[in-house]
Each structure stands twice: as C-alpha cells, then as structure tokens.
Amino acid sequence: MATFPSVTQGYGATKTSAPQIRSTQFNDGYSQRIKFGMNIDPKRWNLSWLNISETNADTIETFLEARASDGASFDWTPPGASLATKWICLSWTKTIPYLNVASIQATFQEVFEP
C-alpha cells in the first residue's frame, strides 16, 4: 500500500461530511431515517499545498498520477488525526505562479477497503 508523500500541507484544508441516510416520509407526517450501508460517513478533504517548491509539487503530482493510473487507494493521515486511513484522489490542480514555485489543490475521498 502506498503512503502519501510527507510534503507539508498548507492551512485552509476543508473537511466535508455527507452521511448516507435514507429517509421515508409517511402520510401522517411521521418520517423514519436509517443509515445506508456499513460505512455511512466517508469524509472528503479539499487540500492545498501553496507556494511549495516545484520539486515537492512534482513529487505529489507523480504520486497522484500513479494512483490514478493503477486505480489504487493510498494511506494518508488527515490533519488532527493520529492514524492513517485509505483515500483516493478524485481531482487535483497544479499551478505555477513563479519560477520554481508551484501550488497544488487536491480533493481526497475516504474509501473503505481491507
């Protein structure tokens, strides 16, 4: 299992939660909600590495391209967490604002695999 490279991440990371809940509305106004599946609340992180060296940006981009190519998940530890979990990267953007400086923005989605 590949582990995401240890390039220092910038501030401003955003975590999104969207629990998978199914709701049924009855005619008398009563409603019932149930969880859908075993892992009902996969997290999604929008991350930024701003104004890092182009070498570090290339390391991140090469890693993400390799995971996209083989369809594999990778281990990553979210900010404030103590344990790594499994993730995929849905999309990323690389910008080069200055010579030898780059920024990467990426979206990681949690997956549940053995």
PDB file of N, CA and C in Angstrom:
ATOM      1  N   MET A   1       0.853  -1.179   0.000  1.00  0.00           N
ATOM      2  CA  MET A   1       0.000   0.000   0.000  1.00  0.00           C
ATOM      3  C   MET A   1       0.887   1.227   0.000  1.00  0.00           C
ATOM      4  N   ALA A   2       0.618   2.147  -0.889  1.00  0.00           N
ATOM      5  CA  ALA A   2       1.380   3.382  -1.000  1.00  0.00           C
ATOM      6  C   ALA A   2       0.953   4.366   0.086  1.00  0.00           C
ATOM      7  N   THR A   3       1.904   5.144   0.561  1.00  0.00           N
ATOM      8  CA  THR A   3       1.633   6.180   1.547  1.00  0.00           C
ATOM      9  C   THR A   3       1.893   7.532   0.910  1.00  0.00           C
ATOM     10  N   PHE A   4       0.985   8.472   1.135  1.00  0.00           N
ATOM     11  CA  PHE A   4       1.123   9.797   0.545  1.00  0.00           C
ATOM     12  C   PHE A   4       2.431  10.435   1.005  1.00  0.00           C
ATOM     13  N   PRO A   5       3.143  11.119   0.100  1.00  0.00           N
ATOM     14  CA  PRO A   5       4.428  11.727   0.464  1.00  0.00           C
ATOM     15  C   PRO A   5       4.286  12.748   1.591  1.00  0.00           C
ATOM     16  N   SER A   6       5.309  12.876   2.390  1.00  0.00           N
ATOM     17  CA  SER A   6       5.258  13.783   3.545  1.00  0.00           C
ATOM     18  C   SER A   6       5.734  15.179   3.148  1.00  0.00           C
ATOM     19  N   VAL A   7       4.910  15.852   2.345  1.00  0.00           N
ATOM     20  CA  VAL A   7       5.146  17.241   1.969  1.00  0.00           C
ATOM     21  C   VAL A   7       4.222  18.076   2.844  1.00  0.00           C
ATOM     22  N   THR A   8       4.777  19.088   3.517  1.00  0.00           N
ATOM     23  CA  THR A   8       3.994  19.891   4.449  1.00  0.00           C
ATOM     24  C   THR A   8       2.835  20.558   3.730  1.00  0.00           C
ATOM     25  N   GLN A   9       1.669  20.352   4.299  1.00  0.00           N
ATOM     26  CA  GLN A   9       0.426  20.851   3.714  1.00  0.00           C
ATOM     27  C   GLN A   9       0.132  22.240   4.260  1.00  0.00           C
ATOM     28  N   GLY A  10      -0.476  23.080   3.428  1.00  0.00           N
ATOM     29  CA  GLY A  10      -0.826  24.427   3.851  1.00  0.00           C
ATOM     30  C   GLY A  10      -2.084  24.451   4.704  1.00  0.00           C
ATOM     31  N   TYR A  11      -2.341  25.620   5.281  1.00  0.00           N
ATOM     32  CA  TYR A  11      -3.558  25.803   6.068  1.00  0.00           C
ATOM     33  C   TYR A  11      -4.743  25.986   5.133  1.00  0.00           C
ATOM     34  N   GLY A  12      -5.918  25.857   5.683  1.00  0.00           N
ATOM     35  CA  GLY A  12      -7.111  26.061   4.881  1.00  0.00           C
ATOM     36  C   GLY A  12      -7.712  24.771   4.344  1.00  0.00           C
ATOM     37  N   ALA A  13      -7.336  23.644   4.907  1.00  0.00           N
ATOM     38  CA  ALA A  13      -7.936  22.373   4.495  1.00  0.00           C
ATOM     39  C   ALA A  13      -9.404  22.369   4.914  1.00  0.00           C
ATOM     40  N   THR A  14     -10.241  21.802   4.051  1.00  0.00           N
ATOM     41  CA  THR A  14     -11.671  21.746   4.320  1.00  0.00           C
ATOM     42  C   THR A  14     -12.135  20.301   4.318  1.00  0.00           C
ATOM     43  N   LYS A  15     -12.785  19.886   5.420  1.00  0.00           N
ATOM     44  CA  LYS A  15     -13.341  18.532   5.515  1.00  0.00           C
ATOM     45  C   LYS A  15     -14.846  18.602   5.308  1.00  0.00           C
ATOM     46  N   THR A  16     -15.352  17.709   4.455  1.00  0.00           N
ATOM     47  CA  THR A  16     -16.785  17.642   4.191  1.00  0.00           C
ATOM     48  C   THR A  16     -17.306  16.275   4.617  1.00  0.00           C
ATOM     49  N   SER A  17     -18.436  16.284   5.309  1.00  0.00           N
ATOM     50  CA  SER A  17     -19.119  15.047   5.685  1.00  0.00           C
ATOM     51  C   SER A  17     -20.501  15.048   5.050  1.00  0.00           C
ATOM     52  N   ALA A  18     -20.904  13.889   4.556  1.00  0.00           N
ATOM     53  CA  ALA A  18     -22.241  13.740   3.969  1.00  0.00           C
ATOM     54  C   ALA A  18     -22.725  12.325   4.285  1.00  0.00           C
ATOM     55  N   PRO A  19     -23.217  12.093   5.511  1.00  0.00           N
ATOM     56  CA  PRO A  19     -23.670  10.757   5.884  1.00  0.00           C
ATOM     57  C   PRO A  19     -24.727  10.227   4.919  1.00  0.00           C
ATOM     58  N   GLN A  20     -24.636   8.943   4.644  1.00  0.00           N
ATOM     59  CA  GLN A  20     -25.579   8.303   3.731  1.00  0.00           C
ATOM     60  C   GLN A  20     -26.772   7.794   4.533  1.00  0.00           C
ATOM     61  N   ILE A  21     -27.806   8.599   4.563  1.00  0.00           N
ATOM     62  CA  ILE A  21     -29.023   8.311   5.320  1.00  0.00           C
ATOM     63  C   ILE A  21     -30.192   8.265   4.348  1.00  0.00           C
ATOM     64  N   ARG A  22     -31.050   7.294   4.507  1.00  0.00           N
ATOM     65  CA  ARG A  22     -32.272   7.198   3.707  1.00  0.00           C
ATOM     66  C   ARG A  22     -33.448   7.572   4.601  1.00  0.00           C
ATOM     67  N   SER A  23     -34.355   8.368   4.054  1.00  0.00           N
ATOM     68  CA  SER A  23     -35.495   8.845   4.819  1.00  0.00           C
ATOM     69  C   SER A  23     -36.786   8.470   4.096  1.00  0.00           C
ATOM     70  N   THR A  24     -37.766   8.062   4.868  1.00  0.00           N
ATOM     71  CA  THR A  24     -39.094   7.746   4.326  1.00  0.00           C
ATOM     72  C   THR A  24     -40.110   8.644   5.017  1.00  0.00           C
ATOM     73  N   GLN A  25     -40.917   9.312   4.233  1.00  0.00           N
ATOM     74  CA  GLN A  25     -41.953  10.206   4.757  1.00  0.00           C
ATOM     75  C   GLN A  25     -43.308   9.514   4.629  1.00  0.00           C
ATOM     76  N   PHE A  26     -44.045   9.446   5.729  1.00  0.00           N
ATOM     77  CA  PHE A  26     -45.366   8.822   5.728  1.00  0.00           C
ATOM     78  C   PHE A  26     -46.456   9.892   5.663  1.00  0.00           C
ATOM     79  N   ASN A  27     -47.673   9.479   5.284  1.00  0.00           N
ATOM     80  CA  ASN A  27     -48.784  10.420   5.099  1.00  0.00           C
ATOM     81  C   ASN A  27     -49.185  11.149   6.373  1.00  0.00           C
ATOM     82  N   ASP A  28     -48.977  10.545   7.528  1.00  0.00           N
ATOM     83  CA  ASP A  28     -49.388  11.192   8.775  1.00  0.00           C
ATOM     84  C   ASP A  28     -48.350  12.178   9.296  1.00  0.00           C
ATOM     85  N   GLY A  29     -47.315  12.476   8.488  1.00  0.00           N
ATOM     86  CA  GLY A  29     -46.284  13.428   8.893  1.00  0.00           C
ATOM     87  C   GLY A  29     -45.083  12.777   9.565  1.00  0.00           C
ATOM     88  N   TYR A  30     -45.223  11.516   9.900  1.00  0.00           N
ATOM     89  CA  TYR A  30     -44.146  10.775  10.539  1.00  0.00           C
ATOM     90  C   TYR A  30     -43.066  10.458   9.496  1.00  0.00           C
ATOM     91  N   SER A  31     -41.828  10.543   9.883  1.00  0.00           N
ATOM     92  CA  SER A  31     -40.745  10.149   8.982  1.00  0.00           C
ATOM     93  C   SER A  31     -39.788   9.228   9.727  1.00  0.00           C
ATOM     94  N   GLN A  32     -39.111   8.413   8.975  1.00  0.00           N
ATOM     95  CA  GLN A  32     -38.157   7.465   9.556  1.00  0.00           C
ATOM     96  C   GLN A  32     -36.849   7.553   8.764  1.00  0.00           C
ATOM     97  N   ARG A  33     -35.720   7.558   9.468  1.00  0.00           N
ATOM     98  CA  ARG A  33     -34.408   7.614   8.844  1.00  0.00           C
ATOM     99  C   ARG A  33     -33.596   6.394   9.252  1.00  0.00           C
ATOM    100  N   ILE A  34     -32.864   5.861   8.275  1.00  0.00           N
ATOM    101  CA  ILE A  34     -31.993   4.731   8.550  1.00  0.00           C
ATOM    102  C   ILE A  34     -30.658   4.973   7.846  1.00  0.00           C
ATOM    103  N   LYS A  35     -29.601   4.404   8.426  1.00  0.00           N
ATOM    104  CA  LYS A  35     -28.302   4.510   7.762  1.00  0.00           C
ATOM    105  C   LYS A  35     -28.284   3.560   6.571  1.00  0.00           C
ATOM    106  N   PHE A  36     -27.515   3.911   5.559  1.00  0.00           N
ATOM    107  CA  PHE A  36     -27.467   3.135   4.336  1.00  0.00           C
ATOM    108  C   PHE A  36     -26.058   2.585   4.178  1.00  0.00           C
ATOM    109  N   GLY A  37     -25.876   1.306   4.464  1.00  0.00           N
ATOM    110  CA  GLY A  37     -24.568   0.682   4.346  1.00  0.00           C
ATOM    111  C   GLY A  37     -23.835   0.620   5.678  1.00  0.00           C
ATOM    112  N   MET A  38     -22.631   0.066   5.627  1.00  0.00           N
ATOM    113  CA  MET A  38     -21.833  -0.095   6.843  1.00  0.00           C
ATOM    114  C   MET A  38     -21.038   1.162   7.179  1.00  0.00           C
ATOM    115  N   ASN A  39     -20.395   1.733   6.194  1.00  0.00           N
ATOM    116  CA  ASN A  39     -19.554   2.912   6.390  1.00  0.00           C
ATOM    117  C   ASN A  39     -20.310   4.113   5.835  1.00  0.00           C
ATOM    118  N   ILE A  40     -21.151   4.699   6.683  1.00  0.00           N
ATOM    119  CA  ILE A  40     -22.126   5.659   6.189  1.00  0.00           C
ATOM    120  C   ILE A  40     -21.598   7.080   6.042  1.00  0.00           C
ATOM    121  N   ASP A  41     -20.406   7.370   6.539  1.00  0.00           N
ATOM    122  CA  ASP A  41     -19.961   8.763   6.539  1.00  0.00           C
ATOM    123  C   ASP A  41     -18.524   8.913   6.032  1.00  0.00           C
ATOM    124  N   PRO A  42     -18.282   8.620   4.740  1.00  0.00           N
ATOM    125  CA  PRO A  42     -16.941   8.833   4.211  1.00  0.00           C
ATOM    126  C   PRO A  42     -16.632  10.330   4.161  1.00  0.00           C
ATOM    127  N   LYS A  43     -15.441  10.681   4.554  1.00  0.00           N
ATOM    128  CA  LYS A  43     -15.026  12.082   4.565  1.00  0.00           C
ATOM    129  C   LYS A  43     -14.436  12.471   3.216  1.00  0.00           C
ATOM    130  N   ARG A  44     -14.467  13.755   2.934  1.00  0.00           N
ATOM    131  CA  ARG A  44     -13.848  14.319   1.741  1.00  0.00           C
ATOM    132  C   ARG A  44     -13.059  15.548   2.195  1.00  0.00           C
ATOM    133  N   TRP A  45     -11.803  15.613   1.760  1.00  0.00           N
ATOM    134  CA  TRP A  45     -10.932  16.734   2.119  1.00  0.00           C
ATOM    135  C   TRP A  45     -10.528  17.508   0.881  1.00  0.00           C
ATOM    136  N   ASN A  46     -10.663  18.829   0.927  1.00  0.00           N
ATOM    137  CA  ASN A  46     -10.105  19.720  -0.083  1.00  0.00           C
ATOM    138  C   ASN A  46      -8.824  20.284   0.507  1.00  0.00           C
ATOM    139  N   LEU A  47      -7.701  19.975  -0.128  1.00  0.00           N
ATOM    140  CA  LEU A  47      -6.386  20.294   0.422  1.00  0.00           C
ATOM    141  C   LEU A  47      -5.617  21.232  -0.496  1.00  0.00           C
ATOM    142  N   SER A  48      -4.704  22.003   0.106  1.00  0.00           N
ATOM    143  CA  SER A  48      -3.865  22.918  -0.665  1.00  0.00           C
ATOM    144  C   SER A  48      -2.427  22.838  -0.188  1.00  0.00           C
ATOM    145  N   TRP A  49      -1.539  22.805  -1.135  1.00  0.00           N
ATOM    146  CA  TRP A  49      -0.108  22.969  -0.890  1.00  0.00           C
ATOM    147  C   TRP A  49       0.271  24.212  -1.673  1.00  0.00           C
ATOM    148  N   LEU A  50       0.393  25.334  -0.973  1.00  0.00           N
ATOM    149  CA  LEU A  50       0.588  26.614  -1.637  1.00  0.00           C
ATOM    150  C   LEU A  50       2.044  27.045  -1.601  1.00  0.00           C
ATOM    151  N   ASN A  51       2.532  27.520  -2.740  1.00  0.00           N
ATOM    152  CA  ASN A  51       3.883  28.066  -2.869  1.00  0.00           C
ATOM    153  C   ASN A  51       4.957  27.134  -2.324  1.00  0.00           C
ATOM    154  N   ILE A  52       4.893  25.889  -2.761  1.00  0.00           N
ATOM    155  CA  ILE A  52       5.919  24.914  -2.409  1.00  0.00           C
ATOM    156  C   ILE A  52       6.912  24.831  -3.571  1.00  0.00           C
ATOM    157  N   SER A  53       8.021  24.169  -3.338  1.00  0.00           N
ATOM    158  CA  SER A  53       8.995  24.035  -4.420  1.00  0.00           C
ATOM    159  C   SER A  53       8.385  23.196  -5.537  1.00  0.00           C
ATOM    160  N   GLU A  54       8.835  23.461  -6.744  1.00  0.00           N
ATOM    161  CA  GLU A  54       8.315  22.690  -7.870  1.00  0.00           C
ATOM    162  C   GLU A  54       8.704  21.220  -7.740  1.00  0.00           C
ATOM    163  N   THR A  55       9.824  20.944  -7.069  1.00  0.00           N
ATOM    164  CA  THR A  55      10.234  19.559  -6.820  1.00  0.00           C
ATOM    165  C   THR A  55       9.215  18.847  -5.936  1.00  0.00           C
ATOM    166  N   ASN A  56       8.771  19.497  -4.849  1.00  0.00           N
ATOM    167  CA  ASN A  56       7.752  18.899  -3.980  1.00  0.00           C
ATOM    168  C   ASN A  56       6.423  18.758  -4.707  1.00  0.00           C
ATOM    169  N   ALA A  57       6.078  19.745  -5.518  1.00  0.00           N
ATOM    170  CA  ALA A  57       4.834  19.657  -6.294  1.00  0.00           C
ATOM    171  C   ALA A  57       4.890  18.494  -7.275  1.00  0.00           C
ATOM    172  N   ASP A  58       6.041  18.304  -7.907  1.00  0.00           N
ATOM    173  CA  ASP A  58       6.197  17.177  -8.828  1.00  0.00           C
ATOM    174  C   ASP A  58       6.099  15.845  -8.099  1.00  0.00           C
ATOM    175  N   THR A  59       6.631  15.783  -6.871  1.00  0.00           N
ATOM    176  CA  THR A  59       6.532  14.559  -6.065  1.00  0.00           C
ATOM    177  C   THR A  59       5.071  14.217  -5.795  1.00  0.00           C
ATOM    178  N   ILE A  60       4.286  15.218  -5.395  1.00  0.00           N
ATOM    179  CA  ILE A  60       2.862  14.999  -5.127  1.00  0.00           C
ATOM    180  C   ILE A  60       2.137  14.591  -6.405  1.00  0.00           C
ATOM    181  N   GLU A  61       2.379  15.332  -7.486  1.00  0.00           N
ATOM    182  CA  GLU A  61       1.668  15.052  -8.731  1.00  0.00           C
ATOM    183  C   GLU A  61       2.025  13.681  -9.295  1.00  0.00           C
ATOM    184  N   THR A  62       3.296  13.306  -9.232  1.00  0.00           N
ATOM    185  CA  THR A  62       3.709  11.979  -9.710  1.00  0.00           C
ATOM    186  C   THR A  62       3.030  10.882  -8.897  1.00  0.00           C
ATOM    187  N   PHE A  63       2.963  11.073  -7.581  1.00  0.00           N
ATOM    188  CA  PHE A  63       2.297  10.102  -6.710  1.00  0.00           C
ATOM    189  C   PHE A  63       0.821   9.968  -7.088  1.00  0.00           C
ATOM    190  N   LEU A  64       0.122  11.099  -7.236  1.00  0.00           N
ATOM    191  CA  LEU A  64      -1.310  11.067  -7.560  1.00  0.00           C
ATOM    192  C   LEU A  64      -1.566  10.466  -8.937  1.00  0.00           C
ATOM    193  N   GLU A  65      -0.707  10.774  -9.900  1.00  0.00           N
ATOM    194  CA  GLU A  65      -0.857  10.200 -11.243  1.00  0.00           C
ATOM    195  C   GLU A  65      -0.678   8.684 -11.214  1.00  0.00           C
ATOM    196  N   ALA A  66       0.274   8.207 -10.411  1.00  0.00           N
ATOM    197  CA  ALA A  66       0.494   6.759 -10.311  1.00  0.00           C
ATOM    198  C   ALA A  66      -0.716   6.073  -9.690  1.00  0.00           C
ATOM    199  N   ARG A  67      -1.315   6.665  -8.654  1.00  0.00           N
ATOM    200  CA  ARG A  67      -2.504   6.073  -8.032  1.00  0.00           C
ATOM    201  C   ARG A  67      -3.693   6.125  -8.991  1.00  0.00           C
ATOM    202  N   ALA A  68      -3.830   7.193  -9.744  1.00  0.00           N
ATOM    203  CA  ALA A  68      -4.931   7.274 -10.720  1.00  0.00           C
ATOM    204  C   ALA A  68      -4.740   6.238 -11.817  1.00  0.00           C
ATOM    205  N   SER A  69      -3.502   6.008 -12.209  1.00  0.00           N
ATOM    206  CA  SER A  69      -3.200   5.059 -13.280  1.00  0.00           C
ATOM    207  C   SER A  69      -3.512   3.621 -12.882  1.00  0.00           C
ATOM    208  N   ASP A  70      -3.147   3.253 -11.636  1.00  0.00           N
ATOM    209  CA  ASP A  70      -3.379   1.869 -11.215  1.00  0.00           C
ATOM    210  C   ASP A  70      -4.696   1.688 -10.454  1.00  0.00           C
ATOM    211  N   GLY A  71      -5.423   2.791 -10.219  1.00  0.00           N
ATOM    212  CA  GLY A  71      -6.723   2.704  -9.551  1.00  0.00           C
ATOM    213  C   GLY A  71      -6.639   2.333  -8.084  1.00  0.00           C
ATOM    214  N   ALA A  72      -5.467   2.494  -7.493  1.00  0.00           N
ATOM    215  CA  ALA A  72      -5.263   2.068  -6.109  1.00  0.00           C
ATOM    216  C   ALA A  72      -5.513   3.211  -5.128  1.00  0.00           C
ATOM    217  N   SER A  73      -5.899   2.835  -3.931  1.00  0.00           N
ATOM    218  CA  SER A  73      -6.016   3.809  -2.852  1.00  0.00           C
ATOM    219  C   SER A  73      -4.635   3.995  -2.223  1.00  0.00           C
ATOM    220  N   PHE A  74      -4.549   4.944  -1.314  1.00  0.00           N
ATOM    221  CA  PHE A  74      -3.286   5.191  -0.614  1.00  0.00           C
ATOM    222  C   PHE A  74      -3.580   5.546   0.833  1.00  0.00           C
ATOM    223  N   ASP A  75      -2.576   5.420   1.666  1.00  0.00           N
ATOM    224  CA  ASP A  75      -2.697   5.771   3.073  1.00  0.00           C
ATOM    225  C   ASP A  75      -2.363   7.247   3.249  1.00  0.00           C
ATOM    226  N   TRP A  76      -3.169   7.933   4.055  1.00  0.00           N
ATOM    227  CA  TRP A  76      -2.936   9.347   4.358  1.00  0.00           C
ATOM    228  C   TRP A  76      -3.523   9.637   5.723  1.00  0.00           C
ATOM    229  N   THR A  77      -2.840  10.480   6.497  1.00  0.00           N
ATOM    230  CA  THR A  77      -3.310  10.864   7.818  1.00  0.00           C
ATOM    231  C   THR A  77      -3.875  12.277   7.749  1.00  0.00           C
ATOM    232  N   PRO A  78      -5.178  12.440   7.954  1.00  0.00           N
ATOM    233  CA  PRO A  78      -5.783  13.776   7.906  1.00  0.00           C
ATOM    234  C   PRO A  78      -5.261  14.678   9.023  1.00  0.00           C
ATOM    235  N   PRO A  79      -5.372  15.995   8.844  1.00  0.00           N
ATOM    236  CA  PRO A  79      -4.960  16.918   9.907  1.00  0.00           C
ATOM    237  C   PRO A  79      -5.699  16.623  11.204  1.00  0.00           C
ATOM    238  N   GLY A  80      -4.958  16.544  12.289  1.00  0.00           N
ATOM    239  CA  GLY A  80      -5.551  16.298  13.598  1.00  0.00           C
ATOM    240  C   GLY A  80      -5.823  14.843  13.913  1.00  0.00           C
ATOM    241  N   ALA A  81      -5.637  13.946  12.954  1.00  0.00           N
ATOM    242  CA  ALA A  81      -5.870  12.513  13.189  1.00  0.00           C
ATOM    243  C   ALA A  81      -4.559  11.853  13.594  1.00  0.00           C
ATOM    244  N   SER A  82      -4.669  10.738  14.279  1.00  0.00           N
ATOM    245  CA  SER A  82      -3.460  10.033  14.719  1.00  0.00           C
ATOM    246  C   SER A  82      -3.169   8.799  13.869  1.00  0.00           C
ATOM    247  N   LEU A  83      -4.170   8.325  13.141  1.00  0.00           N
ATOM    248  CA  LEU A  83      -3.990   7.130  12.323  1.00  0.00           C
ATOM    249  C   LEU A  83      -4.265   7.416  10.848  1.00  0.00           C
ATOM    250  N   ALA A  84      -3.504   6.760   9.997  1.00  0.00           N
ATOM    251  CA  ALA A  84      -3.726   6.866   8.553  1.00  0.00           C
ATOM    252  C   ALA A  84      -4.919   5.989   8.169  1.00  0.00           C
ATOM    253  N   THR A  85      -5.684   6.468   7.209  1.00  0.00           N
ATOM    254  CA  THR A  85      -6.785   5.691   6.638  1.00  0.00           C
ATOM    255  C   THR A  85      -6.610   5.665   5.117  1.00  0.00           C
ATOM    256  N   LYS A  86      -7.502   5.001   4.428  1.00  0.00           N
ATOM    257  CA  LYS A  86      -7.376   4.814   2.983  1.00  0.00           C
ATOM    258  C   LYS A  86      -8.134   5.900   2.227  1.00  0.00           C
ATOM    259  N   TRP A  87      -7.504   6.399   1.138  1.00  0.00           N
ATOM    260  CA  TRP A  87      -8.050   7.514   0.382  1.00  0.00           C
ATOM    261  C   TRP A  87      -7.819   7.314  -1.104  1.00  0.00           C
ATOM    262  N   ILE A  88      -8.628   8.011  -1.904  1.00  0.00           N
ATOM    263  CA  ILE A  88      -8.367   8.162  -3.330  1.00  0.00           C
ATOM    264  C   ILE A  88      -8.390   9.665  -3.612  1.00  0.00           C
ATOM    265  N   CYS A  89      -7.729  10.072  -4.666  1.00  0.00           N
ATOM    266  CA  CYS A  89      -7.744  11.480  -5.056  1.00  0.00           C
ATOM    267  C   CYS A  89      -8.621  11.601  -6.291  1.00  0.00           C
ATOM    268  N   LEU A  90      -9.699  12.343  -6.154  1.00  0.00           N
ATOM    269  CA  LEU A  90     -10.663  12.492  -7.233  1.00  0.00           C
ATOM    270  C   LEU A  90     -10.202  13.483  -8.289  1.00  0.00           C
ATOM    271  N   SER A  91      -9.526  14.536  -7.856  1.00  0.00           N
ATOM    272  CA  SER A  91      -9.039  15.530  -8.806  1.00  0.00           C
ATOM    273  C   SER A  91      -7.985  16.397  -8.131  1.00  0.00           C
ATOM    274  N   TRP A  92      -7.115  16.975  -8.960  1.00  0.00           N
ATOM    275  CA  TRP A  92      -6.122  17.917  -8.442  1.00  0.00           C
ATOM    276  C   TRP A  92      -5.773  18.917  -9.526  1.00  0.00           C
ATOM    277  N   THR A  93      -5.243  20.047  -9.070  1.00  0.00           N
ATOM    278  CA  THR A  93      -4.840  21.119  -9.963  1.00  0.00           C
ATOM    279  C   THR A  93      -3.458  21.602  -9.538  1.00  0.00           C
ATOM    280  N   LYS A  94      -2.594  21.798 -10.517  1.00  0.00           N
ATOM    281  CA  LYS A  94      -1.258  22.333 -10.238  1.00  0.00           C
ATOM    282  C   LYS A  94      -1.125  23.676 -10.949  1.00  0.00           C
ATOM    283  N   THR A  95      -0.706  24.690 -10.204  1.00  0.00           N
ATOM    284  CA  THR A  95      -0.433  25.991 -10.797  1.00  0.00           C
ATOM    285  C   THR A  95       1.020  26.351 -10.505  1.00  0.00           C
ATOM    286  N   ILE A  96       1.609  27.120 -11.413  1.00  0.00           N
ATOM    287  CA  ILE A  96       2.998  27.550 -11.250  1.00  0.00           C
ATOM    288  C   ILE A  96       3.003  29.080 -11.309  1.00  0.00           C
ATOM    289  N   PRO A  97       2.873  29.749 -10.139  1.00  0.00           N
ATOM    290  CA  PRO A  97       2.780  31.203 -10.138  1.00  0.00           C
ATOM    291  C   PRO A  97       4.125  31.909 -10.368  1.00  0.00           C
ATOM    292  N   TYR A  98       5.214  31.251  -9.975  1.00  0.00           N
ATOM    293  CA  TYR A  98       6.553  31.842 -10.093  1.00  0.00           C
ATOM    294  C   TYR A  98       7.533  30.767 -10.526  1.00  0.00           C
ATOM    295  N   LEU A  99       8.697  31.182 -10.934  1.00  0.00           N
ATOM    296  CA  LEU A  99       9.751  30.258 -11.310  1.00  0.00           C
ATOM    297  C   LEU A  99      10.115  29.365 -10.121  1.00  0.00           C
ATOM    298  N   ASN A 100      10.107  28.055 -10.320  1.00  0.00           N
ATOM    299  CA  ASN A 100      10.470  27.050  -9.310  1.00  0.00           C
ATOM    300  C   ASN A 100       9.539  27.025  -8.101  1.00  0.00           C
ATOM    301  N   VAL A 101       8.359  27.607  -8.220  1.00  0.00           N
ATOM    302  CA  VAL A 101       7.362  27.592  -7.146  1.00  0.00           C
ATOM    303  C   VAL A 101       6.058  27.088  -7.750  1.00  0.00           C
ATOM    304  N   ALA A 102       5.360  26.224  -7.014  1.00  0.00           N
ATOM    305  CA  ALA A 102       4.094  25.682  -7.515  1.00  0.00           C
ATOM    306  C   ALA A 102       3.101  25.546  -6.369  1.00  0.00           C
ATOM    307  N   SER A 103       1.854  25.417  -6.729  1.00  0.00           N
ATOM    308  CA  SER A 103       0.791  25.154  -5.767  1.00  0.00           C
ATOM    309  C   SER A 103      -0.057  24.011  -6.306  1.00  0.00           C
ATOM    310  N   ILE A 104      -0.517  23.173  -5.401  1.00  0.00           N
ATOM    311  CA  ILE A 104      -1.398  22.061  -5.778  1.00  0.00           C
ATOM    312  C   ILE A 104      -2.633  22.105  -4.892  1.00  0.00           C
ATOM    313  N   GLN A 105      -3.779  21.938  -5.515  1.00  0.00           N
ATOM    314  CA  GLN A 105      -5.031  21.777  -4.796  1.00  0.00           C
ATOM    315  C   GLN A 105      -5.587  20.420  -5.184  1.00  0.00           C
ATOM    316  N   ALA A 106      -6.025  19.650  -4.183  1.00  0.00           N
ATOM    317  CA  ALA A 106      -6.486  18.287  -4.434  1.00  0.00           C
ATOM    318  C   ALA A 106      -7.707  17.978  -3.577  1.00  0.00           C
ATOM    319  N   THR A 107      -8.503  17.028  -4.058  1.00  0.00           N
ATOM    320  CA  THR A 107      -9.655  16.530  -3.305  1.00  0.00           C
ATOM    321  C   THR A 107      -9.428  15.057  -3.012  1.00  0.00           C
ATOM    322  N   PHE A 108      -9.386  14.714  -1.721  1.00  0.00           N
ATOM    323  CA  PHE A 108      -9.216  13.331  -1.278  1.00  0.00           C
ATOM    324  C   PHE A 108     -10.564  12.822  -0.782  1.00  0.00           C
ATOM    325  N   GLN A 109     -10.912  11.592  -1.153  1.00  0.00           N
ATOM    326  CA  GLN A 109     -12.134  10.965  -0.653  1.00  0.00           C
ATOM    327  C   GLN A 109     -11.777   9.686   0.073  1.00  0.00           C
ATOM    328  N   GLU A 110     -12.331   9.512   1.247  1.00  0.00           N
ATOM    329  CA  GLU A 110     -12.080   8.325   2.059  1.00  0.00           C
ATOM    330  C   GLU A 110     -12.758   7.117   1.433  1.00  0.00           C
ATOM    331  N   VAL A 111     -12.047   6.000   1.411  1.00  0.00           N
ATOM    332  CA  VAL A 111     -12.596   4.735   0.925  1.00  0.00           C
ATOM    333  C   VAL A 111     -12.432   3.693   2.019  1.00  0.00           C
ATOM    334  N   PHE A 112     -13.250   2.681   1.966  1.00  0.00           N
ATOM    335  CA  PHE A 112     -13.215   1.626   2.977  1.00  0.00           C
ATOM    336  C   PHE A 112     -12.858   0.319   2.301  1.00  0.00           C
ATOM    337  N   GLU A 113     -11.607  -0.075   2.465  1.00  0.00           N
ATOM    338  CA  GLU A 113     -11.072  -1.286   1.842  1.00  0.00           C
ATOM    339  C   GLU A 113     -10.320  -2.078   2.893  1.00  0.00           C
ATOM    340  N   PRO A 114     -10.153  -3.364   2.627  1.00  0.00           N
ATOM    341  CA  PRO A 114      -9.386  -4.175   3.587  1.00  0.00           C
ATOM    342  C   PRO A 114      -7.906  -3.817   3.562  1.00  0.00           C
TER     343      PRO A 114
END
